[in-house]
């Protein structure tokens, strides 16, 4: 085993790696967003994100709709 392999085994550069603090933080956020104050903050954040760069947001939305229609062509039809 060389130094490079040993170094790579010890590093945790995996982006999907969850730590205990991350899980607790996520649970606290979920609990906060269920409150009136949290819902208001979340809606303000969404609105700010949507208005910040409208063209990019529209592009994201079109891509999302396109992916959904590829899976199920009749998804939004009554």
PDB file of N, CA and C in Angstrom:
ATOM      1  N   UNK A   1       0.848  -1.171   0.000  1.00  0.00           N
ATOM      2  CA  UNK A   1       0.000   0.000   0.000  1.00  0.00           C
ATOM      3  C   UNK A   1       0.899   1.242   0.000  1.00  0.00           C
ATOM      4  N   UNK A   2       0.704   2.116  -0.959  1.00  0.00           N
ATOM      5  CA  UNK A   2       1.533   3.317  -1.027  1.00  0.00           C
ATOM      6  C   UNK A   2       0.891   4.469  -0.259  1.00  0.00           C
ATOM      7  N   UNK A   3       1.610   5.574  -0.163  1.00  0.00           N
ATOM      8  CA  UNK A   3       1.127   6.724   0.606  1.00  0.00           C
ATOM      9  C   UNK A   3      -0.140   7.317   0.006  1.00  0.00           C
ATOM     10  N   UNK A   4      -0.203   7.331  -1.318  1.00  0.00           N
ATOM     11  CA  UNK A   4      -1.368   7.915  -1.983  1.00  0.00           C
ATOM     12  C   UNK A   4      -2.646   7.151  -1.621  1.00  0.00           C
ATOM     13  N   UNK A   5      -2.584   5.833  -1.662  1.00  0.00           N
ATOM     14  CA  UNK A   5      -3.747   5.021  -1.330  1.00  0.00           C
ATOM     15  C   UNK A   5      -4.148   5.216   0.127  1.00  0.00           C
ATOM     16  N   UNK A   6      -3.169   5.229   1.007  1.00  0.00           N
ATOM     17  CA  UNK A   6      -3.458   5.412   2.424  1.00  0.00           C
ATOM     18  C   UNK A   6      -4.112   6.771   2.664  1.00  0.00           C
ATOM     19  N   UNK A   7      -3.611   7.793   2.000  1.00  0.00           N
ATOM     20  CA  UNK A   7      -4.165   9.135   2.160  1.00  0.00           C
ATOM     21  C   UNK A   7      -5.614   9.178   1.676  1.00  0.00           C
ATOM     22  N   UNK A   8      -5.895   8.560   0.528  1.00  0.00           N
ATOM     23  CA  UNK A   8      -7.245   8.577  -0.023  1.00  0.00           C
ATOM     24  C   UNK A   8      -8.231   7.808   0.851  1.00  0.00           C
ATOM     25  N   UNK A   9      -7.770   6.778   1.533  1.00  0.00           N
ATOM     26  CA  UNK A   9      -8.666   6.028   2.404  1.00  0.00           C
ATOM     27  C   UNK A   9      -9.052   6.834   3.632  1.00  0.00           C
ATOM     28  N   UNK A  10      -8.149   7.688   4.101  1.00  0.00           N
ATOM     29  CA  UNK A  10      -8.422   8.463   5.306  1.00  0.00           C
ATOM     30  C   UNK A  10      -9.255   9.706   5.032  1.00  0.00           C
ATOM     31  N   UNK A  11      -9.203  10.234   3.837  1.00  0.00           N
ATOM     32  CA  UNK A  11      -9.939  11.452   3.522  1.00  0.00           C
ATOM     33  C   UNK A  11     -11.417  11.147   3.345  1.00  0.00           C
ATOM     34  N   UNK A  12     -12.244  12.096   3.724  1.00  0.00           N
ATOM     35  CA  UNK A  12     -13.686  11.957   3.521  1.00  0.00           C
ATOM     36  C   UNK A  12     -14.151  13.102   2.637  1.00  0.00           C
ATOM     37  N   UNK A  13     -13.869  12.989   1.355  1.00  0.00           N
ATOM     38  CA  UNK A  13     -14.277  14.027   0.423  1.00  0.00           C
ATOM     39  C   UNK A  13     -15.584  13.661  -0.269  1.00  0.00           C
ATOM     40  N   UNK A  14     -16.239  12.637   0.208  1.00  0.00           N
ATOM     41  CA  UNK A  14     -17.510  12.224  -0.358  1.00  0.00           C
ATOM     42  C   UNK A  14     -18.577  13.247   0.016  1.00  0.00           C
ATOM     43  N   UNK A  15     -19.221  13.834  -0.974  1.00  0.00           N
ATOM     44  CA  UNK A  15     -20.214  14.873  -0.718  1.00  0.00           C
ATOM     45  C   UNK A  15     -21.493  14.307  -0.117  1.00  0.00           C
ATOM     46  N   UNK A  16     -21.728  13.019  -0.299  1.00  0.00           N
ATOM     47  CA  UNK A  16     -22.941  12.408   0.229  1.00  0.00           C
ATOM     48  C   UNK A  16     -22.768  11.923   1.664  1.00  0.00           C
ATOM     49  N   UNK A  17     -21.600  12.128   2.231  1.00  0.00           N
ATOM     50  CA  UNK A  17     -21.316  11.688   3.593  1.00  0.00           C
ATOM     51  C   UNK A  17     -22.102  12.553   4.578  1.00  0.00           C
ATOM     52  N   UNK A  18     -22.894  11.924   5.448  1.00  0.00           N
ATOM     53  CA  UNK A  18     -23.670  12.653   6.452  1.00  0.00           C
ATOM     54  C   UNK A  18     -23.046  12.455   7.819  1.00  0.00           C
ATOM     55  N   UNK A  19     -22.933  13.521   8.555  1.00  0.00           N
ATOM     56  CA  UNK A  19     -22.448  13.471   9.921  1.00  0.00           C
ATOM     57  C   UNK A  19     -23.645  13.602  10.854  1.00  0.00           C
ATOM     58  N   UNK A  20     -23.466  13.236  12.098  1.00  0.00           N
ATOM     59  CA  UNK A  20     -24.553  13.284  13.077  1.00  0.00           C
ATOM     60  C   UNK A  20     -25.081  14.707  13.216  1.00  0.00           C
ATOM     61  N   UNK A  21     -24.185  15.697  13.240  1.00  0.00           N
ATOM     62  CA  UNK A  21     -24.621  17.086  13.363  1.00  0.00           C
ATOM     63  C   UNK A  21     -25.477  17.509  12.176  1.00  0.00           C
ATOM     64  N   UNK A  22     -25.141  17.026  10.979  1.00  0.00           N
ATOM     65  CA  UNK A  22     -25.922  17.366   9.794  1.00  0.00           C
ATOM     66  C   UNK A  22     -27.339  16.825   9.909  1.00  0.00           C
ATOM     67  N   UNK A  23     -27.463  15.617  10.415  1.00  0.00           N
ATOM     68  CA  UNK A  23     -28.782  14.999  10.548  1.00  0.00           C
ATOM     69  C   UNK A  23     -29.617  15.775  11.564  1.00  0.00           C
ATOM     70  N   UNK A  24     -29.019  16.121  12.698  1.00  0.00           N
ATOM     71  CA  UNK A  24     -29.754  16.883  13.709  1.00  0.00           C
ATOM     72  C   UNK A  24     -30.140  18.254  13.187  1.00  0.00           C
ATOM     73  N   UNK A  25     -29.226  18.883  12.453  1.00  0.00           N
ATOM     74  CA  UNK A  25     -29.512  20.205  11.897  1.00  0.00           C
ATOM     75  C   UNK A  25     -30.695  20.100  10.940  1.00  0.00           C
ATOM     76  N   UNK A  26     -30.706  19.061  10.138  1.00  0.00           N
ATOM     77  CA  UNK A  26     -31.792  18.869   9.187  1.00  0.00           C
ATOM     78  C   UNK A  26     -33.122  18.690   9.920  1.00  0.00           C
ATOM     79  N   UNK A  27     -33.105  17.923  10.992  1.00  0.00           N
ATOM     80  CA  UNK A  27     -34.334  17.713  11.761  1.00  0.00           C
ATOM     81  C   UNK A  27     -34.819  19.008  12.394  1.00  0.00           C
ATOM     82  N   UNK A  28     -33.883  19.832  12.888  1.00  0.00           N
ATOM     83  CA  UNK A  28     -34.271  21.113  13.476  1.00  0.00           C
ATOM     84  C   UNK A  28     -34.871  22.029  12.418  1.00  0.00           C
ATOM     85  N   UNK A  29     -34.285  22.013  11.218  1.00  0.00           N
ATOM     86  CA  UNK A  29     -34.818  22.850  10.144  1.00  0.00           C
ATOM     87  C   UNK A  29     -36.221  22.406   9.762  1.00  0.00           C
ATOM     88  N   UNK A  30     -36.431  21.099   9.655  1.00  0.00           N
ATOM     89  CA  UNK A  30     -37.760  20.603   9.318  1.00  0.00           C
ATOM     90  C   UNK A  30     -38.783  21.038  10.360  1.00  0.00           C
ATOM     91  N   UNK A  31     -38.388  20.968  11.622  1.00  0.00           N
ATOM     92  CA  UNK A  31     -39.293  21.369  12.700  1.00  0.00           C
ATOM     93  C   UNK A  31     -39.585  22.868  12.625  1.00  0.00           C
ATOM     94  N   UNK A  32     -38.557  23.665  12.341  1.00  0.00           N
ATOM     95  CA  UNK A  32     -38.716  25.120  12.242  1.00  0.00           C
ATOM     96  C   UNK A  32     -39.635  25.492  11.083  1.00  0.00           C
ATOM     97  N   UNK A  33     -39.487  24.810   9.954  1.00  0.00           N
ATOM     98  CA  UNK A  33     -40.295  25.154   8.788  1.00  0.00           C
ATOM     99  C   UNK A  33     -41.754  24.750   8.944  1.00  0.00           C
ATOM    100  N   UNK A  34     -42.085  24.006   9.969  1.00  0.00           N
ATOM    101  CA  UNK A  34     -43.485  23.685  10.239  1.00  0.00           C
ATOM    102  C   UNK A  34     -44.171  24.781  11.048  1.00  0.00           C
ATOM    103  N   UNK A  35     -43.390  25.674  11.666  1.00  0.00           N
ATOM    104  CA  UNK A  35     -43.968  26.764  12.452  1.00  0.00           C
ATOM    105  C   UNK A  35     -44.404  27.898  11.528  1.00  0.00           C
ATOM    106  N   UNK A  36     -45.220  28.799  12.052  1.00  0.00           N
ATOM    107  CA  UNK A  36     -45.695  29.940  11.264  1.00  0.00           C
ATOM    108  C   UNK A  36     -44.520  30.819  10.821  1.00  0.00           C
ATOM    109  N   UNK A  37     -43.628  31.082  11.755  1.00  0.00           N
ATOM    110  CA  UNK A  37     -42.460  31.913  11.456  1.00  0.00           C
ATOM    111  C   UNK A  37     -41.567  31.249  10.398  1.00  0.00           C
ATOM    112  N   UNK A  38     -41.397  29.937  10.514  1.00  0.00           N
ATOM    113  CA  UNK A  38     -40.574  29.207   9.557  1.00  0.00           C
ATOM    114  C   UNK A  38     -41.191  29.184   8.170  1.00  0.00           C
ATOM    115  N   UNK A  39     -42.515  29.018   8.104  1.00  0.00           N
ATOM    116  CA  UNK A  39     -43.203  29.020   6.811  1.00  0.00           C
ATOM    117  C   UNK A  39     -43.066  30.370   6.124  1.00  0.00           C
ATOM    118  N   UNK A  40     -43.173  31.431   6.924  1.00  0.00           N
ATOM    119  CA  UNK A  40     -43.034  32.777   6.370  1.00  0.00           C
ATOM    120  C   UNK A  40     -41.611  32.999   5.849  1.00  0.00           C
ATOM    121  N   UNK A  41     -40.619  32.558   6.615  1.00  0.00           N
ATOM    122  CA  UNK A  41     -39.220  32.705   6.202  1.00  0.00           C
ATOM    123  C   UNK A  41     -38.943  31.905   4.935  1.00  0.00           C
ATOM    124  N   UNK A  42     -39.494  30.709   4.852  1.00  0.00           N
ATOM    125  CA  UNK A  42     -39.291  29.862   3.685  1.00  0.00           C
ATOM    126  C   UNK A  42     -39.920  30.477   2.440  1.00  0.00           C
ATOM    127  N   UNK A  43     -41.109  31.040   2.583  1.00  0.00           N
ATOM    128  CA  UNK A  43     -41.760  31.663   1.424  1.00  0.00           C
ATOM    129  C   UNK A  43     -40.991  32.903   0.974  1.00  0.00           C
ATOM    130  N   UNK A  44     -40.451  33.678   1.932  1.00  0.00           N
ATOM    131  CA  UNK A  44     -39.630  34.839   1.565  1.00  0.00           C
ATOM    132  C   UNK A  44     -38.373  34.400   0.826  1.00  0.00           C
ATOM    133  N   UNK A  45     -37.756  33.328   1.297  1.00  0.00           N
ATOM    134  CA  UNK A  45     -36.533  32.833   0.661  1.00  0.00           C
ATOM    135  C   UNK A  45     -36.820  32.340  -0.752  1.00  0.00           C
ATOM    136  N   UNK A  46     -37.939  31.622  -0.933  1.00  0.00           N
ATOM    137  CA  UNK A  46     -38.297  31.137  -2.270  1.00  0.00           C
ATOM    138  C   UNK A  46     -38.564  32.297  -3.220  1.00  0.00           C
ATOM    139  N   UNK A  47     -39.292  33.289  -2.726  1.00  0.00           N
ATOM    140  CA  UNK A  47     -39.615  34.454  -3.549  1.00  0.00           C
ATOM    141  C   UNK A  47     -38.344  35.203  -3.949  1.00  0.00           C
ATOM    142  N   UNK A  48     -37.436  35.377  -3.001  1.00  0.00           N
ATOM    143  CA  UNK A  48     -36.177  36.071  -3.282  1.00  0.00           C
ATOM    144  C   UNK A  48     -35.366  35.295  -4.316  1.00  0.00           C
ATOM    145  N   UNK A  49     -35.326  33.969  -4.184  1.00  0.00           N
ATOM    146  CA  UNK A  49     -34.586  33.136  -5.130  1.00  0.00           C
ATOM    147  C   UNK A  49     -35.190  33.236  -6.526  1.00  0.00           C
ATOM    148  N   UNK A  50     -36.519  33.221  -6.599  1.00  0.00           N
ATOM    149  CA  UNK A  50     -37.191  33.305  -7.894  1.00  0.00           C
ATOM    150  C   UNK A  50     -36.946  34.643  -8.573  1.00  0.00           C
ATOM    151  N   UNK A  51     -36.913  35.716  -7.804  1.00  0.00           N
ATOM    152  CA  UNK A  51     -36.775  37.053  -8.384  1.00  0.00           C
ATOM    153  C   UNK A  51     -35.326  37.456  -8.630  1.00  0.00           C
ATOM    154  N   UNK A  52     -34.383  36.757  -8.015  1.00  0.00           N
ATOM    155  CA  UNK A  52     -32.978  37.137  -8.116  1.00  0.00           C
ATOM    156  C   UNK A  52     -32.466  37.027  -9.551  1.00  0.00           C
ATOM    157  N   UNK A  53     -32.710  35.908 -10.186  1.00  0.00           N
ATOM    158  CA  UNK A  53     -32.254  35.703 -11.557  1.00  0.00           C
ATOM    159  C   UNK A  53     -33.381  35.011 -12.317  1.00  0.00           C
ATOM    160  N   UNK A  54     -34.290  35.803 -12.838  1.00  0.00           N
ATOM    161  CA  UNK A  54     -35.516  35.262 -13.429  1.00  0.00           C
ATOM    162  C   UNK A  54     -35.266  34.357 -14.629  1.00  0.00           C
ATOM    163  N   UNK A  55     -34.328  34.729 -15.483  1.00  0.00           N
ATOM    164  CA  UNK A  55     -34.070  33.911 -16.671  1.00  0.00           C
ATOM    165  C   UNK A  55     -33.542  32.532 -16.291  1.00  0.00           C
ATOM    166  N   UNK A  56     -32.627  32.483 -15.322  1.00  0.00           N
ATOM    167  CA  UNK A  56     -32.096  31.193 -14.886  1.00  0.00           C
ATOM    168  C   UNK A  56     -33.196  30.348 -14.258  1.00  0.00           C
ATOM    169  N   UNK A  57     -34.063  30.977 -13.477  1.00  0.00           N
ATOM    170  CA  UNK A  57     -35.155  30.259 -12.822  1.00  0.00           C
ATOM    171  C   UNK A  57     -36.143  29.716 -13.851  1.00  0.00           C
ATOM    172  N   UNK A  58     -36.449  30.513 -14.863  1.00  0.00           N
ATOM    173  CA  UNK A  58     -37.348  30.033 -15.921  1.00  0.00           C
ATOM    174  C   UNK A  58     -36.745  28.841 -16.649  1.00  0.00           C
ATOM    175  N   UNK A  59     -35.446  28.908 -16.894  1.00  0.00           N
ATOM    176  CA  UNK A  59     -34.752  27.808 -17.565  1.00  0.00           C
ATOM    177  C   UNK A  59     -34.823  26.541 -16.710  1.00  0.00           C
ATOM    178  N   UNK A  60     -34.596  26.686 -15.400  1.00  0.00           N
ATOM    179  CA  UNK A  60     -34.686  25.544 -14.490  1.00  0.00           C
ATOM    180  C   UNK A  60     -36.088  24.944 -14.511  1.00  0.00           C
ATOM    181  N   UNK A  61     -37.082  25.818 -14.497  1.00  0.00           N
ATOM    182  CA  UNK A  61     -38.469  25.361 -14.470  1.00  0.00           C
ATOM    183  C   UNK A  61     -38.829  24.617 -15.756  1.00  0.00           C
ATOM    184  N   UNK A  62     -38.375  25.146 -16.899  1.00  0.00           N
ATOM    185  CA  UNK A  62     -38.630  24.466 -18.175  1.00  0.00           C
ATOM    186  C   UNK A  62     -37.986  23.086 -18.200  1.00  0.00           C
ATOM    187  N   UNK A  63     -36.756  22.994 -17.713  1.00  0.00           N
ATOM    188  CA  UNK A  63     -36.074  21.701 -17.684  1.00  0.00           C
ATOM    189  C   UNK A  63     -36.804  20.718 -16.771  1.00  0.00           C
ATOM    190  N   UNK A  64     -37.279  21.213 -15.637  1.00  0.00           N
ATOM    191  CA  UNK A  64     -38.018  20.369 -14.703  1.00  0.00           C
ATOM    192  C   UNK A  64     -39.297  19.842 -15.353  1.00  0.00           C
ATOM    193  N   UNK A  65     -40.043  20.738 -15.986  1.00  0.00           N
ATOM    194  CA  UNK A  65     -41.291  20.344 -16.643  1.00  0.00           C
ATOM    195  C   UNK A  65     -41.016  19.341 -17.762  1.00  0.00           C
ATOM    196  N   UNK A  66     -39.960  19.564 -18.513  1.00  0.00           N
ATOM    197  CA  UNK A  66     -39.601  18.663 -19.606  1.00  0.00           C
ATOM    198  C   UNK A  66     -39.288  17.266 -19.068  1.00  0.00           C
ATOM    199  N   UNK A  67     -38.517  17.200 -17.982  1.00  0.00           N
ATOM    200  CA  UNK A  67     -38.185  15.895 -17.390  1.00  0.00           C
ATOM    201  C   UNK A  67     -39.437  15.187 -16.891  1.00  0.00           C
ATOM    202  N   UNK A  68     -40.341  15.933 -16.264  1.00  0.00           N
ATOM    203  CA  UNK A  68     -41.575  15.335 -15.760  1.00  0.00           C
ATOM    204  C   UNK A  68     -42.436  14.791 -16.902  1.00  0.00           C
ATOM    205  N   UNK A  69     -42.522  15.562 -17.999  1.00  0.00           N
ATOM    206  CA  UNK A  69     -43.331  15.116 -19.138  1.00  0.00           C
ATOM    207  C   UNK A  69     -42.719  13.908 -19.828  1.00  0.00           C
ATOM    208  N   UNK A  70     -41.387  13.787 -19.795  1.00  0.00           N
ATOM    209  CA  UNK A  70     -40.755  12.602 -20.380  1.00  0.00           C
ATOM    210  C   UNK A  70     -41.160  11.348 -19.612  1.00  0.00           C
ATOM    211  N   UNK A  71     -41.260  11.459 -18.297  1.00  0.00           N
ATOM    212  CA  UNK A  71     -41.647  10.307 -17.482  1.00  0.00           C
ATOM    213  C   UNK A  71     -43.124   9.982 -17.656  1.00  0.00           C
ATOM    214  N   UNK A  72     -43.966  11.013 -17.645  1.00  0.00           N
ATOM    215  CA  UNK A  72     -45.411  10.824 -17.740  1.00  0.00           C
ATOM    216  C   UNK A  72     -46.006  11.935 -18.598  1.00  0.00           C
ATOM    217  N   UNK A  73     -46.287  11.668 -19.870  1.00  0.00           N
ATOM    218  CA  UNK A  73     -46.774  12.718 -20.775  1.00  0.00           C
ATOM    219  C   UNK A  73     -48.109  13.336 -20.363  1.00  0.00           C
ATOM    220  N   UNK A  74     -48.920  12.630 -19.602  1.00  0.00           N
ATOM    221  CA  UNK A  74     -50.244  13.142 -19.230  1.00  0.00           C
ATOM    222  C   UNK A  74     -50.281  13.629 -17.787  1.00  0.00           C
ATOM    223  N   UNK A  75     -49.161  14.070 -17.270  1.00  0.00           N
ATOM    224  CA  UNK A  75     -49.052  14.376 -15.841  1.00  0.00           C
ATOM    225  C   UNK A  75     -49.941  15.537 -15.398  1.00  0.00           C
ATOM    226  N   UNK A  76     -50.038  16.601 -16.166  1.00  0.00           N
ATOM    227  CA  UNK A  76     -50.811  17.773 -15.737  1.00  0.00           C
ATOM    228  C   UNK A  76     -52.127  17.909 -16.487  1.00  0.00           C
ATOM    229  N   UNK A  77     -52.487  16.914 -17.228  1.00  0.00           N
ATOM    230  CA  UNK A  77     -53.752  16.972 -17.970  1.00  0.00           C
ATOM    231  C   UNK A  77     -54.850  16.329 -17.152  1.00  0.00           C
ATOM    232  N   UNK A  78     -56.030  16.859 -17.269  1.00  0.00           N
ATOM    233  CA  UNK A  78     -57.172  16.354 -16.492  1.00  0.00           C
ATOM    234  C   UNK A  78     -57.903  15.288 -17.244  1.00  0.00           C
TER     235      UNK A  78
END
